[in-house]
Protein backbone atom coordinates (compact mmCIF):
# COMPACT_ATOMS: atom_id res chain seq x y z
CA UNK A 1 0.00 0.00 0.00
CA UNK A 2 1.20 3.51 -0.75
CA UNK A 3 2.57 5.73 1.94
CA UNK A 4 -0.35 8.06 2.73
CA UNK A 5 1.99 11.00 3.29
CA UNK A 6 3.43 10.62 -0.23
CA UNK A 7 0.15 11.64 -1.87
CA UNK A 8 0.47 8.87 -4.44
CA UNK A 9 -1.85 6.02 -5.40
CA UNK A 10 -0.43 2.93 -7.05
CA UNK A 11 -2.09 1.38 -10.08
CA UNK A 12 -3.44 -1.36 -7.82
CA UNK A 13 -4.98 1.22 -5.49
CA UNK A 14 -6.64 2.96 -8.44
CA UNK A 15 -8.11 -0.42 -9.46
CA UNK A 16 -9.34 -0.95 -5.90
CA UNK A 17 -11.05 2.45 -5.95
CA UNK A 18 -12.75 1.65 -9.27
CA UNK A 19 -13.90 -1.72 -7.92
CA UNK A 20 -15.33 -0.17 -4.75
CA UNK A 21 -17.02 2.61 -6.72
CA UNK A 22 -18.65 0.15 -9.12
CA UNK A 23 -19.80 -1.96 -6.19
CA UNK A 24 -21.44 1.06 -4.52
CA UNK A 25 -23.02 2.20 -7.78
CA UNK A 26 -24.50 -1.29 -8.16
CA UNK A 27 -25.94 -1.10 -4.63
CA UNK A 28 -27.54 2.24 -5.40
CA UNK A 29 -28.86 0.95 -8.74
CA UNK A 30 -30.68 -1.84 -6.90
CA UNK A 31 -32.21 0.51 -4.33
CA UNK A 32 -35.71 1.69 -5.28
CA UNK A 33 -35.34 5.18 -3.74
CA UNK A 34 -32.36 7.35 -2.99
CA UNK A 35 -32.22 10.42 -0.80
CA UNK A 36 -31.14 13.70 -2.42
CA UNK A 37 -27.76 13.29 -0.70
CA UNK A 38 -27.36 9.79 -2.14
CA UNK A 39 -28.24 11.09 -5.62
CA UNK A 40 -25.54 13.75 -5.30
CA UNK A 41 -22.97 11.23 -4.08
CA UNK A 42 -23.94 8.78 -6.84
CA UNK A 43 -23.42 11.46 -9.49
CA UNK A 44 -20.07 12.44 -7.98
CA UNK A 45 -19.02 8.79 -7.87
CA UNK A 46 -19.98 8.33 -11.53
CA UNK A 47 -17.82 11.32 -12.49
CA UNK A 48 -14.92 9.98 -10.42
CA UNK A 49 -15.14 6.55 -12.07
CA UNK A 50 -15.19 8.20 -15.50
CA UNK A 51 -11.95 10.01 -14.63
CA UNK A 52 -10.30 6.87 -13.24
CA UNK A 53 -11.06 4.97 -16.47
CA UNK A 54 -8.51 7.14 -18.27
CA UNK A 55 -5.48 5.06 -19.26
CA UNK A 56 -3.27 7.76 -17.73
CA UNK A 57 -4.17 6.37 -14.29
CA UNK A 58 -3.36 2.73 -15.08
CA UNK A 59 -0.03 2.91 -13.26
CA UNK A 60 -1.13 5.17 -10.44
CA UNK A 61 -1.34 8.88 -9.87
CA UNK A 62 -0.17 11.66 -7.61
CA UNK A 63 -2.73 13.38 -5.43
CA UNK A 64 -2.58 17.02 -4.47
CA UNK A 65 -5.01 19.47 -2.96
CA UNK A 66 -6.35 22.22 -5.19
CA UNK A 67 -4.77 25.64 -4.74
CA UNK A 68 -6.35 27.42 -1.80
CA UNK A 69 -6.80 30.67 -3.73
CA UNK A 70 -8.18 29.03 -6.86
CA UNK A 71 -11.92 28.75 -7.51
CA UNK A 72 -13.43 25.54 -8.94
PDB file of N, CA and C in Angstrom:
ATOM      1  N   UNK A   1       0.836  -1.174   0.000  1.00  0.00           N
ATOM      2  CA  UNK A   1       0.000   0.000   0.000  1.00  0.00           C
ATOM      3  C   UNK A   1       0.882   1.238   0.000  1.00  0.00           C
ATOM      4  N   UNK A   2       0.434   2.280  -0.653  1.00  0.00           N
ATOM      5  CA  UNK A   2       1.201   3.511  -0.748  1.00  0.00           C
ATOM      6  C   UNK A   2       1.327   4.180   0.607  1.00  0.00           C
ATOM      7  N   UNK A   3       2.391   4.924   0.754  1.00  0.00           N
ATOM      8  CA  UNK A   3       2.566   5.733   1.936  1.00  0.00           C
ATOM      9  C   UNK A   3       1.604   6.907   1.835  1.00  0.00           C
ATOM     10  N   UNK A   4       0.686   7.032   2.787  1.00  0.00           N
ATOM     11  CA  UNK A   4      -0.349   8.064   2.734  1.00  0.00           C
ATOM     12  C   UNK A   4       0.246   9.462   2.669  1.00  0.00           C
ATOM     13  N   UNK A   5       1.395   9.668   3.288  1.00  0.00           N
ATOM     14  CA  UNK A   5       1.991  11.004   3.286  1.00  0.00           C
ATOM     15  C   UNK A   5       2.606  11.344   1.932  1.00  0.00           C
ATOM     16  N   UNK A   6       2.816  10.353   1.073  1.00  0.00           N
ATOM     17  CA  UNK A   6       3.432  10.624  -0.227  1.00  0.00           C
ATOM     18  C   UNK A   6       2.444  11.233  -1.208  1.00  0.00           C
ATOM     19  N   UNK A   7       1.140  11.082  -0.954  1.00  0.00           N
ATOM     20  CA  UNK A   7       0.147  11.642  -1.866  1.00  0.00           C
ATOM     21  C   UNK A   7       0.125  10.925  -3.203  1.00  0.00           C
ATOM     22  N   UNK A   8       0.428   9.648  -3.209  1.00  0.00           N
ATOM     23  CA  UNK A   8       0.470   8.868  -4.445  1.00  0.00           C
ATOM     24  C   UNK A   8      -0.350   7.600  -4.288  1.00  0.00           C
ATOM     25  N   UNK A   9      -1.125   7.284  -5.334  1.00  0.00           N
ATOM     26  CA  UNK A   9      -1.851   6.017  -5.396  1.00  0.00           C
ATOM     27  C   UNK A   9      -1.173   5.135  -6.428  1.00  0.00           C
ATOM     28  N   UNK A  10      -0.988   3.873  -6.089  1.00  0.00           N
ATOM     29  CA  UNK A  10      -0.429   2.926  -7.047  1.00  0.00           C
ATOM     30  C   UNK A  10      -1.518   2.519  -8.036  1.00  0.00           C
ATOM     31  N   UNK A  11      -1.119   1.875  -9.108  1.00  0.00           N
ATOM     32  CA  UNK A  11      -2.088   1.376 -10.078  1.00  0.00           C
ATOM     33  C   UNK A  11      -3.066   0.413  -9.434  1.00  0.00           C
ATOM     34  N   UNK A  12      -2.571  -0.403  -8.511  1.00  0.00           N
ATOM     35  CA  UNK A  12      -3.439  -1.357  -7.815  1.00  0.00           C
ATOM     36  C   UNK A  12      -4.456  -0.638  -6.927  1.00  0.00           C
ATOM     37  N   UNK A  13      -4.049   0.448  -6.311  1.00  0.00           N
ATOM     38  CA  UNK A  13      -4.976   1.224  -5.487  1.00  0.00           C
ATOM     39  C   UNK A  13      -6.040   1.915  -6.342  1.00  0.00           C
ATOM     40  N   UNK A  14      -5.658   2.373  -7.522  1.00  0.00           N
ATOM     41  CA  UNK A  14      -6.643   2.956  -8.443  1.00  0.00           C
ATOM     42  C   UNK A  14      -7.659   1.894  -8.841  1.00  0.00           C
ATOM     43  N   UNK A  15      -7.189   0.684  -9.135  1.00  0.00           N
ATOM     44  CA  UNK A  15      -8.108  -0.423  -9.461  1.00  0.00           C
ATOM     45  C   UNK A  15      -9.045  -0.726  -8.296  1.00  0.00           C
ATOM     46  N   UNK A  16      -8.507  -0.701  -7.080  1.00  0.00           N
ATOM     47  CA  UNK A  16      -9.341  -0.952  -5.897  1.00  0.00           C
ATOM     48  C   UNK A  16     -10.416   0.118  -5.753  1.00  0.00           C
ATOM     49  N   UNK A  17     -10.064   1.367  -6.013  1.00  0.00           N
ATOM     50  CA  UNK A  17     -11.052   2.447  -5.951  1.00  0.00           C
ATOM     51  C   UNK A  17     -12.142   2.255  -6.999  1.00  0.00           C
ATOM     52  N   UNK A  18     -11.755   1.884  -8.207  1.00  0.00           N
ATOM     53  CA  UNK A  18     -12.748   1.650  -9.265  1.00  0.00           C
ATOM     54  C   UNK A  18     -13.670   0.497  -8.883  1.00  0.00           C
ATOM     55  N   UNK A  19     -13.102  -0.572  -8.337  1.00  0.00           N
ATOM     56  CA  UNK A  19     -13.903  -1.716  -7.921  1.00  0.00           C
ATOM     57  C   UNK A  19     -14.919  -1.307  -6.858  1.00  0.00           C
ATOM     58  N   UNK A  20     -14.439  -0.590  -5.836  1.00  0.00           N
ATOM     59  CA  UNK A  20     -15.326  -0.166  -4.750  1.00  0.00           C
ATOM     60  C   UNK A  20     -16.408   0.780  -5.259  1.00  0.00           C
ATOM     61  N   UNK A  21     -16.041   1.670  -6.162  1.00  0.00           N
ATOM     62  CA  UNK A  21     -17.015   2.611  -6.717  1.00  0.00           C
ATOM     63  C   UNK A  21     -18.079   1.871  -7.507  1.00  0.00           C
ATOM     64  N   UNK A  22     -17.674   0.923  -8.342  1.00  0.00           N
ATOM     65  CA  UNK A  22     -18.649   0.148  -9.116  1.00  0.00           C
ATOM     66  C   UNK A  22     -19.562  -0.653  -8.192  1.00  0.00           C
ATOM     67  N   UNK A  23     -18.996  -1.186  -7.138  1.00  0.00           N
ATOM     68  CA  UNK A  23     -19.798  -1.958  -6.186  1.00  0.00           C
ATOM     69  C   UNK A  23     -20.866  -1.070  -5.533  1.00  0.00           C
ATOM     70  N   UNK A  24     -20.474   0.149  -5.128  1.00  0.00           N
ATOM     71  CA  UNK A  24     -21.440   1.058  -4.516  1.00  0.00           C
ATOM     72  C   UNK A  24     -22.477   1.522  -5.527  1.00  0.00           C
ATOM     73  N   UNK A  25     -22.057   1.795  -6.750  1.00  0.00           N
ATOM     74  CA  UNK A  25     -23.016   2.198  -7.780  1.00  0.00           C
ATOM     75  C   UNK A  25     -24.030   1.091  -8.046  1.00  0.00           C
ATOM     76  N   UNK A  26     -23.592  -0.154  -7.985  1.00  0.00           N
ATOM     77  CA  UNK A  26     -24.504  -1.290  -8.157  1.00  0.00           C
ATOM     78  C   UNK A  26     -25.501  -1.351  -7.004  1.00  0.00           C
ATOM     79  N   UNK A  27     -25.028  -1.117  -5.793  1.00  0.00           N
ATOM     80  CA  UNK A  27     -25.943  -1.101  -4.635  1.00  0.00           C
ATOM     81  C   UNK A  27     -27.011  -0.031  -4.814  1.00  0.00           C
ATOM     82  N   UNK A  28     -26.587   1.164  -5.218  1.00  0.00           N
ATOM     83  CA  UNK A  28     -27.544   2.244  -5.402  1.00  0.00           C
ATOM     84  C   UNK A  28     -28.481   1.965  -6.575  1.00  0.00           C
ATOM     85  N   UNK A  29     -28.010   1.280  -7.603  1.00  0.00           N
ATOM     86  CA  UNK A  29     -28.864   0.952  -8.744  1.00  0.00           C
ATOM     87  C   UNK A  29     -29.973  -0.016  -8.338  1.00  0.00           C
ATOM     88  N   UNK A  30     -29.698  -0.846  -7.354  1.00  0.00           N
ATOM     89  CA  UNK A  30     -30.679  -1.840  -6.898  1.00  0.00           C
ATOM     90  C   UNK A  30     -31.599  -1.313  -5.802  1.00  0.00           C
ATOM     91  N   UNK A  31     -31.388  -0.089  -5.384  1.00  0.00           N
ATOM     92  CA  UNK A  31     -32.206   0.508  -4.333  1.00  0.00           C
ATOM     93  C   UNK A  31     -33.336   1.304  -4.993  1.00  0.00           C
ATOM     94  N   UNK A  32     -34.584   1.037  -4.608  1.00  0.00           N
ATOM     95  CA  UNK A  32     -35.709   1.695  -5.283  1.00  0.00           C
ATOM     96  C   UNK A  32     -35.738   3.216  -5.123  1.00  0.00           C
ATOM     97  N   UNK A  33     -35.316   3.728  -3.971  1.00  0.00           N
ATOM     98  CA  UNK A  33     -35.335   5.175  -3.741  1.00  0.00           C
ATOM     99  C   UNK A  33     -34.032   5.612  -3.106  1.00  0.00           C
ATOM    100  N   UNK A  34     -33.566   6.759  -3.569  1.00  0.00           N
ATOM    101  CA  UNK A  34     -32.363   7.351  -2.990  1.00  0.00           C
ATOM    102  C   UNK A  34     -32.696   8.726  -2.435  1.00  0.00           C
ATOM    103  N   UNK A  35     -32.042   9.079  -1.368  1.00  0.00           N
ATOM    104  CA  UNK A  35     -32.215  10.415  -0.804  1.00  0.00           C
ATOM    105  C   UNK A  35     -31.511  11.416  -1.729  1.00  0.00           C
ATOM    106  N   UNK A  36     -31.840  12.690  -1.608  1.00  0.00           N
ATOM    107  CA  UNK A  36     -31.137  13.696  -2.420  1.00  0.00           C
ATOM    108  C   UNK A  36     -29.619  13.648  -2.216  1.00  0.00           C
ATOM    109  N   UNK A  37     -29.184  13.404  -0.973  1.00  0.00           N
ATOM    110  CA  UNK A  37     -27.757  13.291  -0.698  1.00  0.00           C
ATOM    111  C   UNK A  37     -27.147  12.096  -1.428  1.00  0.00           C
ATOM    112  N   UNK A  38     -27.861  10.970  -1.435  1.00  0.00           N
ATOM    113  CA  UNK A  38     -27.364   9.786  -2.141  1.00  0.00           C
ATOM    114  C   UNK A  38     -27.305  10.028  -3.644  1.00  0.00           C
ATOM    115  N   UNK A  39     -28.268  10.745  -4.193  1.00  0.00           N
ATOM    116  CA  UNK A  39     -28.239  11.092  -5.616  1.00  0.00           C
ATOM    117  C   UNK A  39     -26.989  11.918  -5.936  1.00  0.00           C
ATOM    118  N   UNK A  40     -26.706  12.899  -5.086  1.00  0.00           N
ATOM    119  CA  UNK A  40     -25.541  13.752  -5.299  1.00  0.00           C
ATOM    120  C   UNK A  40     -24.248  12.937  -5.218  1.00  0.00           C
ATOM    121  N   UNK A  41     -24.166  12.067  -4.218  1.00  0.00           N
ATOM    122  CA  UNK A  41     -22.967  11.229  -4.084  1.00  0.00           C
ATOM    123  C   UNK A  41     -22.842  10.243  -5.232  1.00  0.00           C
ATOM    124  N   UNK A  42     -23.972   9.708  -5.701  1.00  0.00           N
ATOM    125  CA  UNK A  42     -23.938   8.784  -6.840  1.00  0.00           C
ATOM    126  C   UNK A  42     -23.411   9.497  -8.082  1.00  0.00           C
ATOM    127  N   UNK A  43     -23.896  10.709  -8.329  1.00  0.00           N
ATOM    128  CA  UNK A  43     -23.422  11.458  -9.492  1.00  0.00           C
ATOM    129  C   UNK A  43     -21.939  11.785  -9.384  1.00  0.00           C
ATOM    130  N   UNK A  44     -21.488  12.158  -8.193  1.00  0.00           N
ATOM    131  CA  UNK A  44     -20.070  12.438  -7.982  1.00  0.00           C
ATOM    132  C   UNK A  44     -19.234  11.175  -8.191  1.00  0.00           C
ATOM    133  N   UNK A  45     -19.731  10.049  -7.717  1.00  0.00           N
ATOM    134  CA  UNK A  45     -19.020   8.785  -7.871  1.00  0.00           C
ATOM    135  C   UNK A  45     -18.946   8.382  -9.342  1.00  0.00           C
ATOM    136  N   UNK A  46     -20.009   8.611 -10.082  1.00  0.00           N
ATOM    137  CA  UNK A  46     -19.985   8.326 -11.528  1.00  0.00           C
ATOM    138  C   UNK A  46     -18.919   9.159 -12.233  1.00  0.00           C
ATOM    139  N   UNK A  47     -18.833  10.448 -11.873  1.00  0.00           N
ATOM    140  CA  UNK A  47     -17.819  11.316 -12.487  1.00  0.00           C
ATOM    141  C   UNK A  47     -16.411  10.853 -12.116  1.00  0.00           C
ATOM    142  N   UNK A  48     -16.234  10.454 -10.862  1.00  0.00           N
ATOM    143  CA  UNK A  48     -14.918   9.984 -10.420  1.00  0.00           C
ATOM    144  C   UNK A  48     -14.511   8.720 -11.167  1.00  0.00           C
ATOM    145  N   UNK A  49     -15.436   7.793 -11.336  1.00  0.00           N
ATOM    146  CA  UNK A  49     -15.137   6.554 -12.072  1.00  0.00           C
ATOM    147  C   UNK A  49     -14.779   6.878 -13.524  1.00  0.00           C
ATOM    148  N   UNK A  50     -15.488   7.818 -14.119  1.00  0.00           N
ATOM    149  CA  UNK A  50     -15.189   8.201 -15.501  1.00  0.00           C
ATOM    150  C   UNK A  50     -13.758   8.733 -15.614  1.00  0.00           C
ATOM    151  N   UNK A  51     -13.320   9.494 -14.618  1.00  0.00           N
ATOM    152  CA  UNK A  51     -11.952  10.009 -14.630  1.00  0.00           C
ATOM    153  C   UNK A  51     -10.956   8.868 -14.456  1.00  0.00           C
ATOM    154  N   UNK A  52     -11.232   7.972 -13.517  1.00  0.00           N
ATOM    155  CA  UNK A  52     -10.302   6.873 -13.241  1.00  0.00           C
ATOM    156  C   UNK A  52     -10.190   5.868 -14.386  1.00  0.00           C
ATOM    157  N   UNK A  53     -11.142   5.878 -15.306  1.00  0.00           N
ATOM    158  CA  UNK A  53     -11.062   4.972 -16.466  1.00  0.00           C
ATOM    159  C   UNK A  53      -9.978   5.390 -17.453  1.00  0.00           C
ATOM    160  N   UNK A  54      -9.538   6.639 -17.368  1.00  0.00           N
ATOM    161  CA  UNK A  54      -8.514   7.142 -18.272  1.00  0.00           C
ATOM    162  C   UNK A  54      -7.250   6.296 -18.132  1.00  0.00           C
ATOM    163  N   UNK A  55      -6.679   5.902 -19.237  1.00  0.00           N
ATOM    164  CA  UNK A  55      -5.478   5.063 -19.256  1.00  0.00           C
ATOM    165  C   UNK A  55      -4.312   5.732 -18.522  1.00  0.00           C
ATOM    166  N   UNK A  56      -4.347   7.034 -18.417  1.00  0.00           N
ATOM    167  CA  UNK A  56      -3.273   7.760 -17.734  1.00  0.00           C
ATOM    168  C   UNK A  56      -3.136   7.330 -16.277  1.00  0.00           C
ATOM    169  N   UNK A  57      -4.195   6.776 -15.691  1.00  0.00           N
ATOM    170  CA  UNK A  57      -4.167   6.373 -14.286  1.00  0.00           C
ATOM    171  C   UNK A  57      -3.849   4.886 -14.097  1.00  0.00           C
ATOM    172  N   UNK A  58      -3.584   4.173 -15.165  1.00  0.00           N
ATOM    173  CA  UNK A  58      -3.362   2.727 -15.079  1.00  0.00           C
ATOM    174  C   UNK A  58      -2.190   2.356 -14.166  1.00  0.00           C
ATOM    175  N   UNK A  59      -1.209   3.217 -14.078  1.00  0.00           N
ATOM    176  CA  UNK A  59      -0.026   2.910 -13.263  1.00  0.00           C
ATOM    177  C   UNK A  59       0.038   3.748 -11.995  1.00  0.00           C
ATOM    178  N   UNK A  60      -1.078   4.373 -11.658  1.00  0.00           N
ATOM    179  CA  UNK A  60      -1.131   5.171 -10.443  1.00  0.00           C
ATOM    180  C   UNK A  60      -1.214   6.647 -10.753  1.00  0.00           C
ATOM    181  N   UNK A  61      -1.262   7.428  -9.698  1.00  0.00           N
ATOM    182  CA  UNK A  61      -1.340   8.879  -9.869  1.00  0.00           C
ATOM    183  C   UNK A  61      -0.908   9.573  -8.588  1.00  0.00           C
ATOM    184  N   UNK A  62      -0.504  10.817  -8.752  1.00  0.00           N
ATOM    185  CA  UNK A  62      -0.172  11.664  -7.613  1.00  0.00           C
ATOM    186  C   UNK A  62      -1.414  12.435  -7.217  1.00  0.00           C
ATOM    187  N   UNK A  63      -1.592  12.620  -5.938  1.00  0.00           N
ATOM    188  CA  UNK A  63      -2.725  13.382  -5.428  1.00  0.00           C
ATOM    189  C   UNK A  63      -2.213  14.677  -4.831  1.00  0.00           C
ATOM    190  N   UNK A  64      -2.911  15.757  -5.113  1.00  0.00           N
ATOM    191  CA  UNK A  64      -2.581  17.025  -4.469  1.00  0.00           C
ATOM    192  C   UNK A  64      -3.834  17.838  -4.298  1.00  0.00           C
ATOM    193  N   UNK A  65      -3.852  18.615  -3.260  1.00  0.00           N
ATOM    194  CA  UNK A  65      -5.010  19.470  -2.963  1.00  0.00           C
ATOM    195  C   UNK A  65      -5.039  20.618  -3.958  1.00  0.00           C
ATOM    196  N   UNK A  66      -6.253  21.055  -4.303  1.00  0.00           N
ATOM    197  CA  UNK A  66      -6.346  22.219  -5.189  1.00  0.00           C
ATOM    198  C   UNK A  66      -5.763  23.444  -4.496  1.00  0.00           C
ATOM    199  N   UNK A  67      -5.311  24.397  -5.298  1.00  0.00           N
ATOM    200  CA  UNK A  67      -4.769  25.641  -4.742  1.00  0.00           C
ATOM    201  C   UNK A  67      -5.810  26.321  -3.881  1.00  0.00           C
ATOM    202  N   UNK A  68      -5.414  26.799  -2.735  1.00  0.00           N
ATOM    203  CA  UNK A  68      -6.349  27.425  -1.796  1.00  0.00           C
ATOM    204  C   UNK A  68      -6.997  28.670  -2.381  1.00  0.00           C
ATOM    205  N   UNK A  69      -6.273  29.443  -3.184  1.00  0.00           N
ATOM    206  CA  UNK A  69      -6.801  30.672  -3.733  1.00  0.00           C
ATOM    207  C   UNK A  69      -7.554  30.491  -5.034  1.00  0.00           C
ATOM    208  N   UNK A  70      -7.562  29.291  -5.561  1.00  0.00           N
ATOM    209  CA  UNK A  70      -8.175  29.029  -6.862  1.00  0.00           C
ATOM    210  C   UNK A  70      -9.616  28.625  -6.703  1.00  0.00           C
ATOM    211  N   UNK A  71     -10.517  29.124  -7.521  1.00  0.00           N
ATOM    212  CA  UNK A  71     -11.922  28.749  -7.509  1.00  0.00           C
ATOM    213  C   UNK A  71     -12.130  27.573  -8.433  1.00  0.00           C
ATOM    214  N   UNK A  72     -13.069  26.632  -8.048  1.00  0.00           N
ATOM    215  CA  UNK A  72     -13.434  25.539  -8.942  1.00  0.00           C
ATOM    216  C   UNK A  72     -12.736  24.343  -8.643  1.00  0.00           C
TER     217      UNK A  72
END
